[in-house]
C-alpha cells in the first residue's frame, strides 16, 4: 500500500467540503478558489476543480453570476445556494463526527 495514494484519496474526500466552506464566506472566482486551497496546502488544478464546481452547481448547491472584470472578460463567481448552505451543514456535522471518532481512536 502506498501512503501517497491514501493521502490523495483523503484530500479528494475533503475537497467538496473545503470548497463549500470557502464559498460560505463569500462568492469566489475559480482562480481565487484555487489560490485559497493552495494557501491551505490543498493543491488542486483547474482540471479537477471545474468538473467539481459543475457537479455542485448541477446538484443545486451552487449558483454563479457573471461579474465584469477590469482585467479582461467577465468572470464567473460561484456562491452557495440555500440548498448548498443546508448541505454544508450536513457535511460539517459529518466532519465533526468523523473527527471525534478519529480522536477517540487515537486516544484509546
N, C-alpha and C. Protein backbone atom coordinates (compact mmCIF):
# COMPACT_ATOMS: atom_id res chain seq x y z
N UNK A 1 0.85 -1.18 0.00
CA UNK A 1 0.00 0.00 0.00
C UNK A 1 0.89 1.24 0.00
N UNK A 2 0.53 2.20 -0.79
CA UNK A 2 1.31 3.42 -0.96
C UNK A 2 0.67 4.55 -0.15
N UNK A 3 1.44 5.19 0.73
CA UNK A 3 0.93 6.28 1.56
C UNK A 3 0.46 7.46 0.70
N UNK A 4 1.14 7.72 -0.40
CA UNK A 4 0.73 8.84 -1.27
C UNK A 4 -0.66 8.61 -1.83
N UNK A 5 -0.98 7.38 -2.20
CA UNK A 5 -2.32 7.07 -2.71
C UNK A 5 -3.38 7.31 -1.65
N UNK A 6 -3.10 6.90 -0.43
CA UNK A 6 -4.05 7.09 0.67
C UNK A 6 -4.23 8.58 0.94
N UNK A 7 -3.14 9.33 0.98
CA UNK A 7 -3.23 10.78 1.22
C UNK A 7 -4.02 11.46 0.11
N UNK A 8 -3.82 11.02 -1.12
CA UNK A 8 -4.55 11.58 -2.25
C UNK A 8 -6.06 11.33 -2.11
N UNK A 9 -6.43 10.14 -1.71
CA UNK A 9 -7.84 9.81 -1.51
C UNK A 9 -8.44 10.63 -0.37
N UNK A 10 -7.66 10.85 0.68
CA UNK A 10 -8.15 11.67 1.80
C UNK A 10 -8.41 13.11 1.34
N UNK A 11 -7.49 13.64 0.53
CA UNK A 11 -7.67 15.02 0.01
C UNK A 11 -8.90 15.09 -0.88
N UNK A 12 -9.08 14.11 -1.75
CA UNK A 12 -10.24 14.10 -2.65
C UNK A 12 -11.54 14.06 -1.84
N UNK A 13 -11.52 13.30 -0.75
CA UNK A 13 -12.71 13.16 0.08
C UNK A 13 -13.11 14.42 0.80
N UNK A 14 -12.18 15.33 0.98
CA UNK A 14 -12.49 16.57 1.70
C UNK A 14 -12.60 17.79 0.78
N UNK A 15 -12.31 17.62 -0.47
CA UNK A 15 -12.27 18.76 -1.40
C UNK A 15 -13.61 19.49 -1.51
N UNK A 16 -14.70 18.76 -1.69
CA UNK A 16 -16.01 19.41 -1.81
C UNK A 16 -16.32 20.21 -0.55
N UNK A 17 -16.05 19.60 0.60
CA UNK A 17 -16.30 20.27 1.88
C UNK A 17 -15.49 21.57 1.96
N UNK A 18 -14.22 21.52 1.59
CA UNK A 18 -13.37 22.72 1.65
C UNK A 18 -13.87 23.81 0.71
N UNK A 19 -14.30 23.43 -0.48
CA UNK A 19 -14.81 24.42 -1.44
C UNK A 19 -16.07 25.09 -0.89
N UNK A 20 -16.97 24.30 -0.34
CA UNK A 20 -18.20 24.87 0.23
C UNK A 20 -17.89 25.79 1.41
N UNK A 21 -16.90 25.40 2.23
CA UNK A 21 -16.51 26.26 3.34
C UNK A 21 -16.00 27.61 2.84
N UNK A 22 -15.19 27.59 1.78
CA UNK A 22 -14.69 28.84 1.21
C UNK A 22 -15.82 29.70 0.67
N UNK A 23 -16.75 29.07 -0.03
CA UNK A 23 -17.84 29.83 -0.65
C UNK A 23 -18.88 30.28 0.36
N UNK A 24 -18.86 29.70 1.55
CA UNK A 24 -19.76 30.16 2.62
C UNK A 24 -19.40 31.58 3.03
N UNK A 25 -18.11 31.89 2.98
CA UNK A 25 -17.63 33.21 3.39
C UNK A 25 -17.97 34.29 2.38
N UNK A 26 -17.80 33.95 1.08
CA UNK A 26 -18.06 34.94 0.03
C UNK A 26 -18.04 34.27 -1.33
N UNK A 27 -18.74 34.83 -2.30
CA UNK A 27 -18.66 34.30 -3.67
C UNK A 27 -17.21 34.39 -4.14
N UNK A 28 -16.81 33.47 -5.01
CA UNK A 28 -15.42 33.46 -5.46
C UNK A 28 -15.30 33.01 -6.90
N UNK A 29 -14.29 33.53 -7.54
CA UNK A 29 -13.89 33.19 -8.90
C UNK A 29 -13.02 31.93 -8.83
N UNK A 30 -13.03 31.12 -9.84
CA UNK A 30 -12.33 29.84 -9.82
C UNK A 30 -10.86 29.97 -9.42
N UNK A 31 -10.15 30.92 -10.00
CA UNK A 31 -8.73 31.04 -9.67
C UNK A 31 -8.54 31.48 -8.22
N UNK A 32 -9.50 32.24 -7.66
CA UNK A 32 -9.43 32.61 -6.25
C UNK A 32 -9.61 31.38 -5.36
N UNK A 33 -10.51 30.48 -5.76
CA UNK A 33 -10.73 29.24 -5.01
C UNK A 33 -9.45 28.41 -5.01
N UNK A 34 -8.83 28.28 -6.18
CA UNK A 34 -7.59 27.51 -6.29
C UNK A 34 -6.51 28.12 -5.41
N UNK A 35 -6.39 29.44 -5.44
CA UNK A 35 -5.37 30.12 -4.64
C UNK A 35 -5.58 29.88 -3.15
N UNK A 36 -6.82 29.99 -2.69
CA UNK A 36 -7.10 29.79 -1.27
C UNK A 36 -6.85 28.33 -0.86
N UNK A 37 -7.18 27.40 -1.73
CA UNK A 37 -6.90 25.99 -1.43
C UNK A 37 -5.40 25.75 -1.37
N UNK A 38 -4.65 26.37 -2.29
CA UNK A 38 -3.20 26.22 -2.28
C UNK A 38 -2.59 26.84 -1.03
N UNK A 39 -3.11 27.98 -0.59
CA UNK A 39 -2.64 28.60 0.64
C UNK A 39 -2.83 27.67 1.84
N UNK A 40 -3.87 26.84 1.77
CA UNK A 40 -4.16 25.88 2.83
C UNK A 40 -3.42 24.56 2.60
N UNK A 41 -2.52 24.53 1.61
CA UNK A 41 -1.73 23.33 1.28
C UNK A 41 -2.57 22.21 0.69
N UNK A 42 -3.70 22.55 0.09
CA UNK A 42 -4.53 21.58 -0.62
C UNK A 42 -4.40 21.92 -2.10
N UNK A 43 -3.49 21.24 -2.76
CA UNK A 43 -3.16 21.56 -4.15
C UNK A 43 -4.22 20.98 -5.08
N UNK A 44 -4.82 21.87 -5.88
CA UNK A 44 -5.87 21.49 -6.82
C UNK A 44 -5.59 22.21 -8.14
N UNK A 45 -5.81 21.51 -9.23
CA UNK A 45 -5.63 22.11 -10.56
C UNK A 45 -7.01 22.40 -11.16
N UNK A 46 -7.03 23.27 -12.14
CA UNK A 46 -8.30 23.65 -12.77
C UNK A 46 -9.04 22.44 -13.32
N UNK A 47 -8.30 21.49 -13.87
CA UNK A 47 -8.92 20.30 -14.45
C UNK A 47 -9.69 19.47 -13.44
N UNK A 48 -9.35 19.61 -12.17
CA UNK A 48 -10.08 18.93 -11.10
C UNK A 48 -11.22 19.80 -10.60
N UNK A 49 -10.97 21.10 -10.48
CA UNK A 49 -11.93 22.00 -9.87
C UNK A 49 -13.16 22.26 -10.74
N UNK A 50 -12.97 22.50 -12.03
CA UNK A 50 -14.11 22.83 -12.89
C UNK A 50 -15.20 21.76 -12.91
N UNK A 51 -14.84 20.48 -13.08
CA UNK A 51 -15.90 19.45 -13.06
C UNK A 51 -16.60 19.37 -11.69
N UNK A 52 -15.84 19.58 -10.63
CA UNK A 52 -16.42 19.55 -9.29
C UNK A 52 -17.39 20.70 -9.09
N UNK A 53 -17.02 21.91 -9.52
CA UNK A 53 -17.93 23.05 -9.42
C UNK A 53 -19.19 22.83 -10.26
N UNK A 54 -19.03 22.25 -11.43
CA UNK A 54 -20.18 21.96 -12.28
C UNK A 54 -21.10 20.95 -11.61
N UNK A 55 -20.52 19.91 -11.01
CA UNK A 55 -21.33 18.91 -10.32
C UNK A 55 -22.08 19.52 -9.14
N UNK A 56 -21.41 20.37 -8.37
CA UNK A 56 -22.06 21.03 -7.24
C UNK A 56 -23.18 21.97 -7.72
N UNK A 57 -22.95 22.65 -8.83
CA UNK A 57 -23.97 23.53 -9.41
C UNK A 57 -25.16 22.71 -9.90
N UNK A 58 -24.89 21.62 -10.61
CA UNK A 58 -25.97 20.78 -11.14
C UNK A 58 -26.77 20.11 -10.03
N UNK A 59 -26.15 19.93 -8.87
CA UNK A 59 -26.84 19.36 -7.71
C UNK A 59 -27.66 20.40 -6.96
N UNK A 60 -27.52 21.65 -7.36
CA UNK A 60 -28.30 22.72 -6.73
C UNK A 60 -27.63 23.35 -5.53
N UNK A 61 -26.35 23.01 -5.28
CA UNK A 61 -25.65 23.54 -4.11
C UNK A 61 -24.95 24.86 -4.39
N UNK A 62 -24.67 25.14 -5.66
CA UNK A 62 -24.00 26.38 -6.06
C UNK A 62 -24.79 27.06 -7.17
N UNK A 63 -24.64 28.35 -7.21
CA UNK A 63 -25.09 29.12 -8.38
C UNK A 63 -23.90 30.00 -8.75
N UNK A 64 -24.04 30.73 -9.83
CA UNK A 64 -22.96 31.64 -10.21
C UNK A 64 -23.55 32.87 -10.86
N UNK A 65 -22.74 33.89 -10.90
CA UNK A 65 -23.11 35.10 -11.63
C UNK A 65 -21.87 35.62 -12.33
N UNK A 66 -22.12 36.24 -13.48
CA UNK A 66 -21.04 36.83 -14.25
C UNK A 66 -20.81 38.24 -13.74
N UNK A 67 -19.56 38.57 -13.45
CA UNK A 67 -19.22 39.90 -12.97
C UNK A 67 -18.14 40.46 -13.88
N UNK A 68 -18.37 41.69 -14.32
CA UNK A 68 -17.40 42.35 -15.20
C UNK A 68 -16.04 42.46 -14.52
N UNK A 69 -14.99 42.33 -15.33
CA UNK A 69 -13.63 42.41 -14.81
C UNK A 69 -12.89 43.54 -15.50
N UNK A 70 -12.08 44.24 -14.74
CA UNK A 70 -11.27 45.31 -15.34
C UNK A 70 -10.05 44.71 -16.05
N UNK A 71 -9.82 43.41 -15.87
CA UNK A 71 -8.64 42.76 -16.43
C UNK A 71 -8.98 41.80 -17.56
N UNK A 72 -10.10 41.98 -18.21
CA UNK A 72 -10.45 41.10 -19.32
C UNK A 72 -11.94 40.81 -19.36
N UNK A 73 -12.29 39.62 -19.81
CA UNK A 73 -13.71 39.27 -19.94
C UNK A 73 -14.38 39.11 -18.58
N UNK A 74 -15.71 39.09 -18.56
CA UNK A 74 -16.42 38.87 -17.29
C UNK A 74 -16.00 37.56 -16.66
N UNK A 75 -16.10 37.52 -15.33
CA UNK A 75 -15.70 36.33 -14.58
C UNK A 75 -16.91 35.69 -13.92
N UNK A 76 -16.87 34.37 -13.85
CA UNK A 76 -17.96 33.61 -13.23
C UNK A 76 -17.63 33.45 -11.74
N UNK A 77 -18.46 34.03 -10.89
CA UNK A 77 -18.29 33.93 -9.45
C UNK A 77 -19.32 32.95 -8.89
N UNK A 78 -18.82 31.95 -8.17
CA UNK A 78 -19.68 30.92 -7.57
C UNK A 78 -20.09 31.32 -6.17
N UNK A 79 -21.30 30.93 -5.80
CA UNK A 79 -21.81 31.20 -4.45
C UNK A 79 -22.71 30.05 -4.02
N UNK A 80 -22.86 29.90 -2.70
CA UNK A 80 -23.72 28.86 -2.16
C UNK A 80 -25.19 29.22 -2.36
N UNK A 81 -25.99 28.23 -2.66
CA UNK A 81 -27.45 28.41 -2.68
C UNK A 81 -27.97 28.03 -1.29
N UNK A 82 -29.25 28.18 -1.06
CA UNK A 82 -29.83 27.74 0.21
C UNK A 82 -29.62 26.24 0.39
N UNK A 83 -29.78 25.48 -0.68
CA UNK A 83 -29.53 24.04 -0.62
C UNK A 83 -28.07 23.77 -0.28
N UNK A 84 -27.18 24.59 -0.82
CA UNK A 84 -25.75 24.44 -0.54
C UNK A 84 -25.42 24.70 0.91
N UNK A 85 -26.08 25.70 1.49
CA UNK A 85 -25.87 26.00 2.91
C UNK A 85 -26.33 24.82 3.77
N UNK A 86 -27.49 24.25 3.42
CA UNK A 86 -28.00 23.08 4.16
C UNK A 86 -27.07 21.88 4.00
N UNK A 87 -26.59 21.65 2.77
CA UNK A 87 -25.68 20.54 2.51
C UNK A 87 -24.38 20.72 3.28
N UNK A 88 -23.87 21.96 3.31
CA UNK A 88 -22.66 22.25 4.07
C UNK A 88 -22.88 21.95 5.55
N UNK A 89 -24.04 22.27 6.07
CA UNK A 89 -24.35 21.96 7.46
C UNK A 89 -24.27 20.46 7.72
N UNK A 90 -24.78 19.66 6.78
CA UNK A 90 -24.70 18.20 6.92
C UNK A 90 -23.24 17.74 6.89
N UNK A 91 -22.45 18.32 5.98
CA UNK A 91 -21.05 17.94 5.90
C UNK A 91 -20.29 18.35 7.16
N UNK A 92 -20.62 19.51 7.72
CA UNK A 92 -19.97 19.95 8.95
C UNK A 92 -20.27 18.99 10.10
N UNK A 93 -21.51 18.51 10.18
CA UNK A 93 -21.87 17.53 11.20
C UNK A 93 -21.10 16.24 10.99
N UNK A 94 -21.03 15.77 9.75
CA UNK A 94 -20.30 14.54 9.44
C UNK A 94 -18.82 14.69 9.74
N UNK A 95 -18.26 15.85 9.41
CA UNK A 95 -16.85 16.09 9.68
C UNK A 95 -16.58 16.05 11.18
N UNK A 96 -17.43 16.68 11.95
CA UNK A 96 -17.26 16.70 13.40
C UNK A 96 -17.35 15.29 13.98
N UNK A 97 -18.31 14.50 13.48
CA UNK A 97 -18.44 13.12 13.94
C UNK A 97 -17.19 12.30 13.60
N UNK A 98 -16.70 12.46 12.38
CA UNK A 98 -15.51 11.74 11.96
C UNK A 98 -14.30 12.18 12.78
N UNK A 99 -14.17 13.46 12.99
CA UNK A 99 -13.07 13.99 13.78
C UNK A 99 -13.11 13.44 15.21
N UNK A 100 -14.31 13.41 15.80
CA UNK A 100 -14.46 12.86 17.14
C UNK A 100 -14.08 11.39 17.18
N UNK A 101 -14.49 10.63 16.17
CA UNK A 101 -14.17 9.21 16.09
C UNK A 101 -12.65 9.01 16.02
N UNK A 102 -12.00 9.74 15.15
CA UNK A 102 -10.56 9.61 14.99
C UNK A 102 -9.84 9.98 16.29
N UNK A 103 -10.26 11.07 16.90
CA UNK A 103 -9.63 11.47 18.17
C UNK A 103 -9.84 10.43 19.26
N UNK A 104 -11.02 9.84 19.28
CA UNK A 104 -11.29 8.79 20.26
C UNK A 104 -10.36 7.59 20.05
N UNK A 105 -10.27 7.15 18.80
CA UNK A 105 -9.41 6.00 18.48
C UNK A 105 -7.95 6.34 18.78
N UNK A 106 -7.53 7.52 18.47
CA UNK A 106 -6.17 7.95 18.72
C UNK A 106 -5.84 7.89 20.20
N UNK A 107 -6.82 8.16 21.05
CA UNK A 107 -6.59 8.23 22.49
C UNK A 107 -6.91 6.95 23.24
N UNK A 108 -7.25 5.88 22.54
CA UNK A 108 -7.56 4.60 23.21
C UNK A 108 -6.26 4.02 23.76
